[in-house]
PDB file of N, CA and C in Angstrom:
ATOM      1  N   LYS A   1      26.661 -37.930   8.518  1.00  0.00           N
ATOM      2  CA  LYS A   1      27.157 -36.966   7.552  1.00  0.00           C
ATOM      3  C   LYS A   1      26.378 -37.044   6.247  1.00  0.00           C
ATOM      4  N   ALA A   2      26.021 -38.261   5.849  1.00  0.00           N
ATOM      5  CA  ALA A   2      25.304 -38.432   4.588  1.00  0.00           C
ATOM      6  C   ALA A   2      23.918 -37.780   4.650  1.00  0.00           C
ATOM      7  N   ILE A   3      23.243 -37.920   5.772  1.00  0.00           N
ATOM      8  CA  ILE A   3      21.913 -37.314   5.912  1.00  0.00           C
ATOM      9  C   ILE A   3      22.008 -35.790   5.883  1.00  0.00           C
ATOM     10  N   LEU A   4      22.983 -35.256   6.597  1.00  0.00           N
ATOM     11  CA  LEU A   4      23.160 -33.799   6.603  1.00  0.00           C
ATOM     12  C   LEU A   4      23.488 -33.286   5.203  1.00  0.00           C
ATOM     13  N   GLU A   5      24.290 -34.030   4.456  1.00  0.00           N
ATOM     14  CA  GLU A   5      24.634 -33.627   3.095  1.00  0.00           C
ATOM     15  C   GLU A   5      23.407 -33.694   2.186  1.00  0.00           C
ATOM     16  N   ALA A   6      22.603 -34.738   2.339  1.00  0.00           N
ATOM     17  CA  ALA A   6      21.381 -34.842   1.540  1.00  0.00           C
ATOM     18  C   ALA A   6      20.456 -33.660   1.829  1.00  0.00           C
ATOM     19  N   CYS A   7      20.348 -33.285   3.093  1.00  0.00           N
ATOM     20  CA  CYS A   7      19.510 -32.139   3.471  1.00  0.00           C
ATOM     21  C   CYS A   7      20.096 -30.827   2.966  1.00  0.00           C
ATOM     22  N   ARG A   8      21.407 -30.743   2.907  1.00  0.00           N
ATOM     23  CA  ARG A   8      22.043 -29.535   2.360  1.00  0.00           C
ATOM     24  C   ARG A   8      21.716 -29.408   0.868  1.00  0.00           C
ATOM     25  N   GLN A   9      21.772 -30.525   0.163  1.00  0.00           N
ATOM     26  CA  GLN A   9      21.535 -30.501  -1.275  1.00  0.00           C
ATOM     27  C   GLN A   9      20.062 -30.310  -1.631  1.00  0.00           C
ATOM     28  N   SER A  10      19.188 -30.761  -0.763  1.00  0.00           N
ATOM     29  CA  SER A  10      17.755 -30.647  -1.016  1.00  0.00           C
ATOM     30  C   SER A  10      17.068 -30.229   0.288  1.00  0.00           C
ATOM     31  N   PRO A  11      17.214 -28.950   0.652  1.00  0.00           N
ATOM     32  CA  PRO A  11      16.799 -28.503   1.984  1.00  0.00           C
ATOM     33  C   PRO A  11      15.293 -28.467   2.230  1.00  0.00           C
ATOM     34  N   LYS A  12      14.499 -28.255   1.232  1.00  0.00           N
ATOM     35  CA  LYS A  12      13.049 -28.151   1.419  1.00  0.00           C
ATOM     36  C   LYS A  12      12.349 -29.286   0.688  1.00  0.00           C
ATOM     37  N   CYS A  13      11.339 -29.828   1.327  1.00  0.00           N
ATOM     38  CA  CYS A  13      10.538 -30.882   0.712  1.00  0.00           C
ATOM     39  C   CYS A  13       9.471 -30.241  -0.164  1.00  0.00           C
ATOM     40  N   GLU A  14       9.338 -30.765  -1.358  1.00  0.00           N
ATOM     41  CA  GLU A  14       8.331 -30.270  -2.291  1.00  0.00           C
ATOM     42  C   GLU A  14       7.438 -31.430  -2.704  1.00  0.00           C
ATOM     43  N   PHE A  15       6.129 -31.177  -2.713  1.00  0.00           N
ATOM     44  CA  PHE A  15       5.149 -32.197  -3.049  1.00  0.00           C
ATOM     45  C   PHE A  15       4.304 -31.750  -4.231  1.00  0.00           C
ATOM     46  N   LYS A  16       3.900 -32.699  -5.032  1.00  0.00           N
ATOM     47  CA  LYS A  16       2.962 -32.448  -6.125  1.00  0.00           C
ATOM     48  C   LYS A  16       1.936 -33.573  -6.095  1.00  0.00           C
ATOM     49  N   ASP A  17       0.679 -33.208  -5.970  1.00  0.00           N
ATOM     50  CA  ASP A  17      -0.400 -34.192  -5.881  1.00  0.00           C
ATOM     51  C   ASP A  17      -0.146 -35.212  -4.775  1.00  0.00           C
ATOM     52  N   GLY A  18       0.402 -34.739  -3.641  1.00  0.00           N
ATOM     53  CA  GLY A  18       0.631 -35.595  -2.488  1.00  0.00           C
ATOM     54  C   GLY A  18       1.854 -36.487  -2.583  1.00  0.00           C
ATOM     55  N   ILE A  19       2.644 -36.324  -3.639  1.00  0.00           N
ATOM     56  CA  ILE A  19       3.849 -37.147  -3.823  1.00  0.00           C
ATOM     57  C   ILE A  19       5.086 -36.260  -3.724  1.00  0.00           C
ATOM     58  N   MET A  20       6.034 -36.674  -2.880  1.00  0.00           N
ATOM     59  CA  MET A  20       7.244 -35.881  -2.711  1.00  0.00           C
ATOM     60  C   MET A  20       8.042 -35.868  -4.009  1.00  0.00           C
ATOM     61  N   GLN A  21       8.373 -34.677  -4.466  1.00  0.00           N
ATOM     62  CA  GLN A  21       9.172 -34.496  -5.673  1.00  0.00           C
ATOM     63  C   GLN A  21      10.636 -34.229  -5.331  1.00  0.00           C
ATOM     64  N   LYS A  22      10.847 -33.537  -4.220  1.00  0.00           N
ATOM     65  CA  LYS A  22      12.188 -33.190  -3.738  1.00  0.00           C
ATOM     66  C   LYS A  22      12.166 -33.259  -2.222  1.00  0.00           C
ATOM     67  N   GLY A  23      13.333 -33.503  -1.662  1.00  0.00           N
ATOM     68  CA  GLY A  23      13.426 -33.485  -0.217  1.00  0.00           C
ATOM     69  C   GLY A  23      14.010 -34.770   0.330  1.00  0.00           C
ATOM     70  N   VAL A  24      13.975 -34.875   1.657  1.00  0.00           N
ATOM     71  CA  VAL A  24      14.586 -36.012   2.336  1.00  0.00           C
ATOM     72  C   VAL A  24      13.571 -36.635   3.301  1.00  0.00           C
ATOM     73  N   ILE A  25      13.455 -37.957   3.209  1.00  0.00           N
ATOM     74  CA  ILE A  25      12.692 -38.732   4.183  1.00  0.00           C
ATOM     75  C   ILE A  25      13.687 -39.656   4.870  1.00  0.00           C
ATOM     76  N   ILE A  26      13.747 -39.577   6.176  1.00  0.00           N
ATOM     77  CA  ILE A  26      14.637 -40.426   6.957  1.00  0.00           C
ATOM     78  C   ILE A  26      13.774 -41.528   7.556  1.00  0.00           C
ATOM     79  N   ARG A  27      14.032 -42.751   7.109  1.00  0.00           N
ATOM     80  CA  ARG A  27      13.229 -43.892   7.557  1.00  0.00           C
ATOM     81  C   ARG A  27      14.001 -44.656   8.628  1.00  0.00           C
ATOM     82  N   HIS A  28      13.289 -45.012   9.692  1.00  0.00           N
ATOM     83  CA  HIS A  28      13.916 -45.772  10.779  1.00  0.00           C
ATOM     84  C   HIS A  28      13.059 -46.992  11.097  1.00  0.00           C
ATOM     85  N   LEU A  29      13.685 -48.159  11.059  1.00  0.00           N
ATOM     86  CA  LEU A  29      12.991 -49.404  11.360  1.00  0.00           C
ATOM     87  C   LEU A  29      13.053 -49.672  12.851  1.00  0.00           C
ATOM     88  N   LEU A  30      11.881 -49.683  13.480  1.00  0.00           N
ATOM     89  CA  LEU A  30      11.794 -50.012  14.896  1.00  0.00           C
ATOM     90  C   LEU A  30      12.029 -51.504  15.062  1.00  0.00           C
ATOM     91  N   LEU A  31      12.983 -51.865  15.903  1.00  0.00           N
ATOM     92  CA  LEU A  31      13.330 -53.258  16.158  1.00  0.00           C
ATOM     93  C   LEU A  31      12.920 -53.661  17.565  1.00  0.00           C
ATOM     94  N   PRO A  32      12.775 -54.970  17.814  1.00  0.00           N
ATOM     95  CA  PRO A  32      12.506 -55.415  19.179  1.00  0.00           C
ATOM     96  C   PRO A  32      13.588 -54.877  20.119  1.00  0.00           C
ATOM     97  N   GLN A  33      13.189 -54.412  21.267  1.00  0.00           N
ATOM     98  CA  GLN A  33      14.082 -53.828  22.266  1.00  0.00           C
ATOM     99  C   GLN A  33      14.769 -52.553  21.759  1.00  0.00           C
ATOM    100  N   GLY A  34      14.189 -51.908  20.749  1.00  0.00           N
ATOM    101  CA  GLY A  34      14.842 -50.749  20.150  1.00  0.00           C
ATOM    102  C   GLY A  34      14.146 -49.431  20.390  1.00  0.00           C
ATOM    103  N   THR A  35      13.348 -49.335  21.458  1.00  0.00           N
ATOM    104  CA  THR A  35      12.602 -48.095  21.678  1.00  0.00           C
ATOM    105  C   THR A  35      13.523 -46.906  21.973  1.00  0.00           C
ATOM    106  N   LYS A  36      14.522 -47.115  22.819  1.00  0.00           N
ATOM    107  CA  LYS A  36      15.432 -46.005  23.160  1.00  0.00           C
ATOM    108  C   LYS A  36      16.187 -45.515  21.934  1.00  0.00           C
ATOM    109  N   GLU A  37      16.619 -46.448  21.106  1.00  0.00           N
ATOM    110  CA  GLU A  37      17.348 -46.073  19.895  1.00  0.00           C
ATOM    111  C   GLU A  37      16.443 -45.313  18.932  1.00  0.00           C
ATOM    112  N   ALA A  38      15.200 -45.780  18.780  1.00  0.00           N
ATOM    113  CA  ALA A  38      14.266 -45.108  17.877  1.00  0.00           C
ATOM    114  C   ALA A  38      13.983 -43.681  18.336  1.00  0.00           C
ATOM    115  N   MET A  39      13.818 -43.502  19.639  1.00  0.00           N
ATOM    116  CA  MET A  39      13.564 -42.158  20.168  1.00  0.00           C
ATOM    117  C   MET A  39      14.796 -41.270  19.998  1.00  0.00           C
ATOM    118  N   ALA A  40      15.982 -41.836  20.163  1.00  0.00           N
ATOM    119  CA  ALA A  40      17.216 -41.061  19.975  1.00  0.00           C
ATOM    120  C   ALA A  40      17.382 -40.650  18.512  1.00  0.00           C
ATOM    121  N   VAL A  41      17.055 -41.541  17.592  1.00  0.00           N
ATOM    122  CA  VAL A  41      17.137 -41.201  16.162  1.00  0.00           C
ATOM    123  C   VAL A  41      16.140 -40.091  15.849  1.00  0.00           C
ATOM    124  N   PHE A  42      14.927 -40.217  16.356  1.00  0.00           N
ATOM    125  CA  PHE A  42      13.925 -39.170  16.139  1.00  0.00           C
ATOM    126  C   PHE A  42      14.407 -37.832  16.681  1.00  0.00           C
ATOM    127  N   ASP A  43      14.972 -37.832  17.882  1.00  0.00           N
ATOM    128  CA  ASP A  43      15.502 -36.593  18.467  1.00  0.00           C
ATOM    129  C   ASP A  43      16.564 -35.978  17.565  1.00  0.00           C
ATOM    130  N   TRP A  44      17.449 -36.807  17.052  1.00  0.00           N
ATOM    131  CA  TRP A  44      18.522 -36.299  16.181  1.00  0.00           C
ATOM    132  C   TRP A  44      17.923 -35.676  14.925  1.00  0.00           C
ATOM    133  N   VAL A  45      16.971 -36.363  14.321  1.00  0.00           N
ATOM    134  CA  VAL A  45      16.326 -35.843  13.109  1.00  0.00           C
ATOM    135  C   VAL A  45      15.644 -34.519  13.407  1.00  0.00           C
ATOM    136  N   ARG A  46      14.883 -34.479  14.477  1.00  0.00           N
ATOM    137  CA  ARG A  46      14.137 -33.268  14.856  1.00  0.00           C
ATOM    138  C   ARG A  46      15.065 -32.086  15.111  1.00  0.00           C
ATOM    139  N   GLU A  47      16.192 -32.357  15.751  1.00  0.00           N
ATOM    140  CA  GLU A  47      17.119 -31.286  16.124  1.00  0.00           C
ATOM    141  C   GLU A  47      18.046 -30.863  14.980  1.00  0.00           C
ATOM    142  N   ASN A  48      18.355 -31.787  14.081  1.00  0.00           N
ATOM    143  CA  ASN A  48      19.374 -31.509  13.064  1.00  0.00           C
ATOM    144  C   ASN A  48      18.836 -31.345  11.648  1.00  0.00           C
ATOM    145  N   THR A  49      17.650 -31.849  11.395  1.00  0.00           N
ATOM    146  CA  THR A  49      17.091 -31.765  10.044  1.00  0.00           C
ATOM    147  C   THR A  49      15.605 -31.397  10.120  1.00  0.00           C
ATOM    148  N   PRO A  50      15.288 -30.212  10.618  1.00  0.00           N
ATOM    149  CA  PRO A  50      13.884 -29.852  10.872  1.00  0.00           C
ATOM    150  C   PRO A  50      12.998 -29.812   9.638  1.00  0.00           C
ATOM    151  N   ASP A  51      13.577 -29.740   8.438  1.00  0.00           N
ATOM    152  CA  ASP A  51      12.754 -29.703   7.230  1.00  0.00           C
ATOM    153  C   ASP A  51      12.621 -31.065   6.562  1.00  0.00           C
ATOM    154  N   ALA A  52      13.337 -32.049   7.065  1.00  0.00           N
ATOM    155  CA  ALA A  52      13.214 -33.408   6.530  1.00  0.00           C
ATOM    156  C   ALA A  52      11.981 -34.068   7.122  1.00  0.00           C
ATOM    157  N   TYR A  53      11.589 -35.166   6.534  1.00  0.00           N
ATOM    158  CA  TYR A  53      10.501 -35.974   7.076  1.00  0.00           C
ATOM    159  C   TYR A  53      11.089 -37.179   7.790  1.00  0.00           C
ATOM    160  N   PHE A  54      10.420 -37.608   8.845  1.00  0.00           N
ATOM    161  CA  PHE A  54      10.836 -38.780   9.605  1.00  0.00           C
ATOM    162  C   PHE A  54       9.764 -39.840   9.437  1.00  0.00           C
ATOM    163  N   SER A  55      10.185 -41.049   9.090  1.00  0.00           N
ATOM    164  CA  SER A  55       9.260 -42.157   8.906  1.00  0.00           C
ATOM    165  C   SER A  55       9.646 -43.279   9.853  1.00  0.00           C
ATOM    166  N   ILE A  56       8.753 -43.585  10.781  1.00  0.00           N
ATOM    167  CA  ILE A  56       9.007 -44.693  11.702  1.00  0.00           C
ATOM    168  C   ILE A  56       8.332 -45.936  11.101  1.00  0.00           C
ATOM    169  N   MET A  57       9.157 -46.950  10.866  1.00  0.00           N
ATOM    170  CA  MET A  57       8.662 -48.181  10.249  1.00  0.00           C
ATOM    171  C   MET A  57       8.513 -49.254  11.327  1.00  0.00           C
ATOM    172  N   SER A  58       7.423 -49.983  11.248  1.00  0.00           N
ATOM    173  CA  SER A  58       7.153 -51.007  12.258  1.00  0.00           C
ATOM    174  C   SER A  58       6.986 -52.384  11.620  1.00  0.00           C
ATOM    175  N   GLN A  59       7.549 -52.564  10.465  1.00  0.00           N
ATOM    176  CA  GLN A  59       7.322 -53.779   9.678  1.00  0.00           C
ATOM    177  C   GLN A  59       8.235 -54.947  10.031  1.00  0.00           C
ATOM    178  N   TYR A  60       9.113 -54.781  11.011  1.00  0.00           N
ATOM    179  CA  TYR A  60      10.071 -55.843  11.302  1.00  0.00           C
ATOM    180  C   TYR A  60       9.355 -57.170  11.584  1.00  0.00           C
ATOM    181  N   THR A  61       9.755 -58.182  10.842  1.00  0.00           N
ATOM    182  CA  THR A  61       9.236 -59.535  11.002  1.00  0.00           C
ATOM    183  C   THR A  61      10.429 -60.478  11.007  1.00  0.00           C
ATOM    184  N   PRO A  62      10.612 -61.242  12.068  1.00  0.00           N
ATOM    185  CA  PRO A  62      11.774 -62.133  12.120  1.00  0.00           C
ATOM    186  C   PRO A  62      11.704 -63.207  11.027  1.00  0.00           C
ATOM    187  N   CYS A  63      12.822 -63.420  10.378  1.00  0.00           N
ATOM    188  CA  CYS A  63      12.906 -64.472   9.368  1.00  0.00           C
ATOM    189  C   CYS A  63      14.372 -64.857   9.205  1.00  0.00           C
ATOM    190  N   GLY A  64      14.633 -65.770   8.333  1.00  0.00           N
ATOM    191  CA  GLY A  64      16.012 -66.198   8.112  1.00  0.00           C
ATOM    192  C   GLY A  64      16.605 -66.802   9.365  1.00  0.00           C
ATOM    193  N   ASN A  65      17.754 -66.312   9.770  1.00  0.00           N
ATOM    194  CA  ASN A  65      18.451 -66.823  10.957  1.00  0.00           C
ATOM    195  C   ASN A  65      18.060 -66.115  12.245  1.00  0.00           C
ATOM    196  N   ALA A  66      17.018 -65.320  12.222  1.00  0.00           N
ATOM    197  CA  ALA A  66      16.604 -64.594  13.428  1.00  0.00           C
ATOM    198  C   ALA A  66      16.305 -65.546  14.577  1.00  0.00           C
ATOM    199  N   GLU A  67      15.879 -66.758  14.254  1.00  0.00           N
ATOM    200  CA  GLU A  67      15.559 -67.731  15.311  1.00  0.00           C
ATOM    201  C   GLU A  67      16.769 -68.056  16.172  1.00  0.00           C
ATOM    202  N   ASN A  68      17.968 -67.782  15.685  1.00  0.00           N
ATOM    203  CA  ASN A  68      19.189 -68.032  16.449  1.00  0.00           C
ATOM    204  C   ASN A  68      19.541 -66.899  17.410  1.00  0.00           C
ATOM    205  N   TYR A  69      18.763 -65.816  17.370  1.00  0.00           N
ATOM    206  CA  TYR A  69      19.048 -64.647  18.194  1.00  0.00           C
ATOM    207  C   TYR A  69      17.765 -64.231  18.905  1.00  0.00           C
ATOM    208  N   LYS A  70      17.671 -64.571  20.188  1.00  0.00           N
ATOM    209  CA  LYS A  70      16.419 -64.317  20.918  1.00  0.00           C
ATOM    210  C   LYS A  70      16.036 -62.842  20.927  1.00  0.00           C
ATOM    211  N   GLU A  71      17.025 -61.950  20.855  1.00  0.00           N
ATOM    212  CA  GLU A  71      16.741 -60.505  20.902  1.00  0.00           C
ATOM    213  C   GLU A  71      15.892 -60.046  19.723  1.00  0.00           C
ATOM    214  N   ILE A  72      16.052 -60.705  18.575  1.00  0.00           N
ATOM    215  CA  ILE A  72      15.331 -60.266  17.377  1.00  0.00           C
ATOM    216  C   ILE A  72      14.389 -61.345  16.840  1.00  0.00           C
ATOM    217  N   ASN A  73      14.175 -62.394  17.578  1.00  0.00           N
ATOM    218  CA  ASN A  73      13.321 -63.484  17.120  1.00  0.00           C
ATOM    219  C   ASN A  73      11.861 -63.264  17.539  1.00  0.00           C
ATOM    220  N   ARG A  74      11.411 -62.040  17.393  1.00  0.00           N
ATOM    221  CA  ARG A  74      10.014 -61.704  17.672  1.00  0.00           C
ATOM    222  C   ARG A  74       9.697 -60.373  17.005  1.00  0.00           C
ATOM    223  N   LYS A  75       8.422 -60.126  16.860  1.00  0.00           N
ATOM    224  CA  LYS A  75       7.994 -58.837  16.330  1.00  0.00           C
ATOM    225  C   LYS A  75       8.083 -57.786  17.429  1.00  0.00           C
ATOM    226  N   VAL A  76       7.977 -56.549  17.055  1.00  0.00           N
ATOM    227  CA  VAL A  76       7.899 -55.443  18.009  1.00  0.00           C
ATOM    228  C   VAL A  76       6.572 -55.575  18.747  1.00  0.00           C
ATOM    229  N   THR A  77       6.603 -55.430  20.063  1.00  0.00           N
ATOM    230  CA  THR A  77       5.362 -55.547  20.842  1.00  0.00           C
ATOM    231  C   THR A  77       4.520 -54.281  20.695  1.00  0.00           C
ATOM    232  N   LYS A  78       3.251 -54.423  21.005  1.00  0.00           N
ATOM    233  CA  LYS A  78       2.348 -53.263  20.986  1.00  0.00           C
ATOM    234  C   LYS A  78       2.844 -52.202  21.976  1.00  0.00           C
ATOM    235  N   ARG A  79       3.365 -52.636  23.108  1.00  0.00           N
ATOM    236  CA  ARG A  79       3.887 -51.702  24.111  1.00  0.00           C
ATOM    237  C   ARG A  79       5.081 -50.918  23.560  1.00  0.00           C
ATOM    238  N   GLU A  80       6.004 -51.612  22.902  1.00  0.00           N
ATOM    239  CA  GLU A  80       7.170 -50.935  22.314  1.00  0.00           C
ATOM    240  C   GLU A  80       6.726 -49.943  21.237  1.00  0.00           C
ATOM    241  N   TYR A  81       5.833 -50.391  20.377  1.00  0.00           N
ATOM    242  CA  TYR A  81       5.320 -49.560  19.291  1.00  0.00           C
ATOM    243  C   TYR A  81       4.652 -48.301  19.848  1.00  0.00           C
ATOM    244  N   ASN A  82       3.757 -48.485  20.818  1.00  0.00           N
ATOM    245  CA  ASN A  82       3.040 -47.343  21.394  1.00  0.00           C
ATOM    246  C   ASN A  82       3.967 -46.405  22.154  1.00  0.00           C
ATOM    247  N   LYS A  83       4.980 -46.938  22.802  1.00  0.00           N
ATOM    248  CA  LYS A  83       5.929 -46.098  23.532  1.00  0.00           C
ATOM    249  C   LYS A  83       6.634 -45.138  22.579  1.00  0.00           C
ATOM    250  N   VAL A  84       7.071 -45.648  21.444  1.00  0.00           N
ATOM    251  CA  VAL A  84       7.751 -44.803  20.457  1.00  0.00           C
ATOM    252  C   VAL A  84       6.781 -43.798  19.847  1.00  0.00           C
ATOM    253  N   LEU A  85       5.583 -44.246  19.498  1.00  0.00           N
ATOM    254  CA  LEU A  85       4.605 -43.314  18.915  1.00  0.00           C
ATOM    255  C   LEU A  85       4.207 -42.226  19.896  1.00  0.00           C
ATOM    256  N   ASP A  86       3.987 -42.587  21.146  1.00  0.00           N
ATOM    257  CA  ASP A  86       3.648 -41.590  22.161  1.00  0.00           C
ATOM    258  C   ASP A  86       4.757 -40.551  22.272  1.00  0.00           C
ATOM    259  N   TYR A  87       5.995 -41.005  22.233  1.00  0.00           N
ATOM    260  CA  TYR A  87       7.126 -40.089  22.327  1.00  0.00           C
ATOM    261  C   TYR A  87       7.156 -39.146  21.121  1.00  0.00           C
ATOM    262  N   ILE A  88       7.072 -39.714  19.929  1.00  0.00           N
ATOM    263  CA  ILE A  88       7.120 -38.901  18.710  1.00  0.00           C
ATOM    264  C   ILE A  88       5.977 -37.879  18.705  1.00  0.00           C
ATOM    265  N   CYS A  89       4.794 -38.331  19.083  1.00  0.00           N
ATOM    266  CA  CYS A  89       3.624 -37.449  19.038  1.00  0.00           C
ATOM    267  C   CYS A  89       3.622 -36.396  20.145  1.00  0.00           C
ATOM    268  N   SER A  90       4.514 -36.535  21.122  1.00  0.00           N
ATOM    269  CA  SER A  90       4.573 -35.543  22.195  1.00  0.00           C
ATOM    270  C   SER A  90       5.299 -34.269  21.760  1.00  0.00           C
ATOM    271  N   PHE A  91       5.858 -34.273  20.562  1.00  0.00           N
ATOM    272  CA  PHE A  91       6.566 -33.103  20.036  1.00  0.00           C
ATOM    273  C   PHE A  91       5.745 -32.473  18.920  1.00  0.00           C
ATOM    274  N   ASP A  92       5.958 -31.204  18.739  1.00  0.00           N
ATOM    275  CA  ASP A  92       5.294 -30.480  17.666  1.00  0.00           C
ATOM    276  C   ASP A  92       6.175 -30.558  16.416  1.00  0.00           C
ATOM    277  N   PHE A  93       6.329 -31.773  15.902  1.00  0.00           N
ATOM    278  CA  PHE A  93       7.138 -32.011  14.705  1.00  0.00           C
ATOM    279  C   PHE A  93       6.195 -32.571  13.641  1.00  0.00           C
ATOM    280  N   PRO A  94       5.801 -31.721  12.690  1.00  0.00           N
ATOM    281  CA  PRO A  94       4.725 -32.117  11.769  1.00  0.00           C
ATOM    282  C   PRO A  94       5.133 -33.104  10.674  1.00  0.00           C
ATOM    283  N   ASN A  95       6.423 -33.254  10.422  1.00  0.00           N
ATOM    284  CA  ASN A  95       6.882 -34.043   9.279  1.00  0.00           C
ATOM    285  C   ASN A  95       7.144 -35.495   9.656  1.00  0.00           C
ATOM    286  N   VAL A  96       6.086 -36.204  10.017  1.00  0.00           N
ATOM    287  CA  VAL A  96       6.242 -37.590  10.473  1.00  0.00           C
ATOM    288  C   VAL A  96       5.276 -38.497   9.728  1.00  0.00           C
ATOM    289  N   TYR A  97       5.817 -39.603   9.277  1.00  0.00           N
ATOM    290  CA  TYR A  97       4.989 -40.688   8.741  1.00  0.00           C
ATOM    291  C   TYR A  97       5.075 -41.844   9.725  1.00  0.00           C
ATOM    292  N   ILE A  98       3.935 -42.461   9.991  1.00  0.00           N
ATOM    293  CA  ILE A  98       3.878 -43.569  10.939  1.00  0.00           C
ATOM    294  C   ILE A  98       3.315 -44.793  10.227  1.00  0.00           C
ATOM    295  N   GLN A  99       4.086 -45.853  10.257  1.00  0.00           N
ATOM    296  CA  GLN A  99       3.641 -47.098   9.636  1.00  0.00           C
ATOM    297  C   GLN A  99       2.822 -47.902  10.645  1.00  0.00           C
ATOM    298  N   GLU A 100       1.694 -48.393  10.204  1.00  0.00           N
ATOM    299  CA  GLU A 100       0.836 -49.187  11.080  1.00  0.00           C
ATOM    300  C   GLU A 100       1.547 -50.467  11.501  1.00  0.00           C
ATOM    301  N   GLN A 101       1.289 -50.902  12.696  1.00  0.00           N
ATOM    302  CA  GLN A 101       1.933 -52.104  13.208  1.00  0.00           C
ATOM    303  C   GLN A 101       1.494 -53.354  12.451  1.00  0.00           C
ATOM    304  N   THR A 102       0.374 -53.303  11.792  1.00  0.00           N
ATOM    305  CA  THR A 102      -0.101 -54.456  11.029  1.00  0.00           C
ATOM    306  C   THR A 102       0.780 -54.763   9.824  1.00  0.00           C
ATOM    307  N   SER A 103       1.695 -53.871   9.494  1.00  0.00           N
ATOM    308  CA  SER A 103       2.602 -54.115   8.367  1.00  0.00           C
ATOM    309  C   SER A 103       3.646 -55.185   8.688  1.00  0.00           C
ATOM    310  N   ALA A 104       3.761 -55.563   9.946  1.00  0.00           N
ATOM    311  CA  ALA A 104       4.705 -56.609  10.351  1.00  0.00           C
ATOM    312  C   ALA A 104       4.048 -57.964  10.138  1.00  0.00           C
ATOM    313  N   ASP A 105       4.096 -58.429   8.901  1.00  0.00           N
ATOM    314  CA  ASP A 105       3.438 -59.682   8.554  1.00  0.00           C
ATOM    315  C   ASP A 105       4.257 -60.391   7.485  1.00  0.00           C
ATOM    316  N   LYS A 106       4.400 -61.689   7.621  1.00  0.00           N
ATOM    317  CA  LYS A 106       5.206 -62.467   6.672  1.00  0.00           C
ATOM    318  C   LYS A 106       4.659 -62.392   5.251  1.00  0.00           C
ATOM    319  N   LYS A 107       3.393 -62.068   5.099  1.00  0.00           N
ATOM    320  CA  LYS A 107       2.826 -62.007   3.753  1.00  0.00           C
ATOM    321  C   LYS A 107       3.468 -60.890   2.910  1.00  0.00           C
ATOM    322  N   TYR A 108       4.140 -59.960   3.572  1.00  0.00           N
ATOM    323  CA  TYR A 108       4.801 -58.866   2.850  1.00  0.00           C
ATOM    324  C   TYR A 108       6.266 -59.169   2.520  1.00  0.00           C
ATOM    325  N   ILE A 109       6.754 -60.325   2.940  1.00  0.00           N
ATOM    326  CA  ILE A 109       8.151 -60.696   2.670  1.00  0.00           C
ATOM    327  C   ILE A 109       8.198 -61.433   1.344  1.00  0.00           C
ATOM    328  N   PRO A 110       8.997 -60.943   0.402  1.00  0.00           N
ATOM    329  CA  PRO A 110       9.072 -61.607  -0.896  1.00  0.00           C
ATOM    330  C   PRO A 110       9.680 -63.000  -0.788  1.00  0.00           C
ATOM    331  N   ASP A 111       9.345 -63.858  -1.742  1.00  0.00           N
ATOM    332  CA  ASP A 111       9.954 -65.179  -1.822  1.00  0.00           C
ATOM    333  C   ASP A 111      11.288 -65.010  -2.546  1.00  0.00           C
ATOM    334  N   PHE A 112      12.356 -64.957  -1.767  1.00  0.00           N
ATOM    335  CA  PHE A 112      13.675 -64.712  -2.350  1.00  0.00           C
ATOM    336  C   PHE A 112      14.239 -65.938  -3.062  1.00  0.00           C
ATOM    337  N   ASN A 113      13.555 -67.079  -2.950  1.00  0.00           N
ATOM    338  CA  ASN A 113      13.997 -68.290  -3.629  1.00  0.00           C
ATOM    339  C   ASN A 113      13.311 -68.464  -4.994  1.00  0.00           C
ATOM    340  N   MET A 114      12.432 -67.548  -5.316  1.00  0.00           N
ATOM    341  CA  MET A 114      11.699 -67.629  -6.554  1.00  0.00           C
ATOM    342  C   MET A 114      12.622 -67.385  -7.739  1.00  0.00           C
ATOM    343  N   LYS A 115      12.403 -68.111  -8.821  1.00  0.00           N
ATOM    344  CA  LYS A 115      13.233 -67.943 -10.031  1.00  0.00           C
ATOM    345  C   LYS A 115      12.533 -67.066 -11.027  1.00  0.00           C
TER     346      LYS A 115
END
């Protein structure tokens, strides 16, 4: 409901110098074993918010207590990543941002213990 309301309030995306000034970007984090869910989210966005942008994020990096959960104690595999990208690219939906898989790196995780 929140996404639909955001799209109602700002139905068209507007850009200035390549930077979005108005509009909606729906970001989805691809998780290990989450290909079906990612494709379902993309389908929903494509069918319900055709003027919004969809951003598939591939930056998931296990940390914290992830080691206690085998399902999420790994990065997204190249196969999972490519499966989702192949699916997204099989549609004529121009409003897509794709995050490179190399973004899944611990060097991008802030030091939350820093003072």
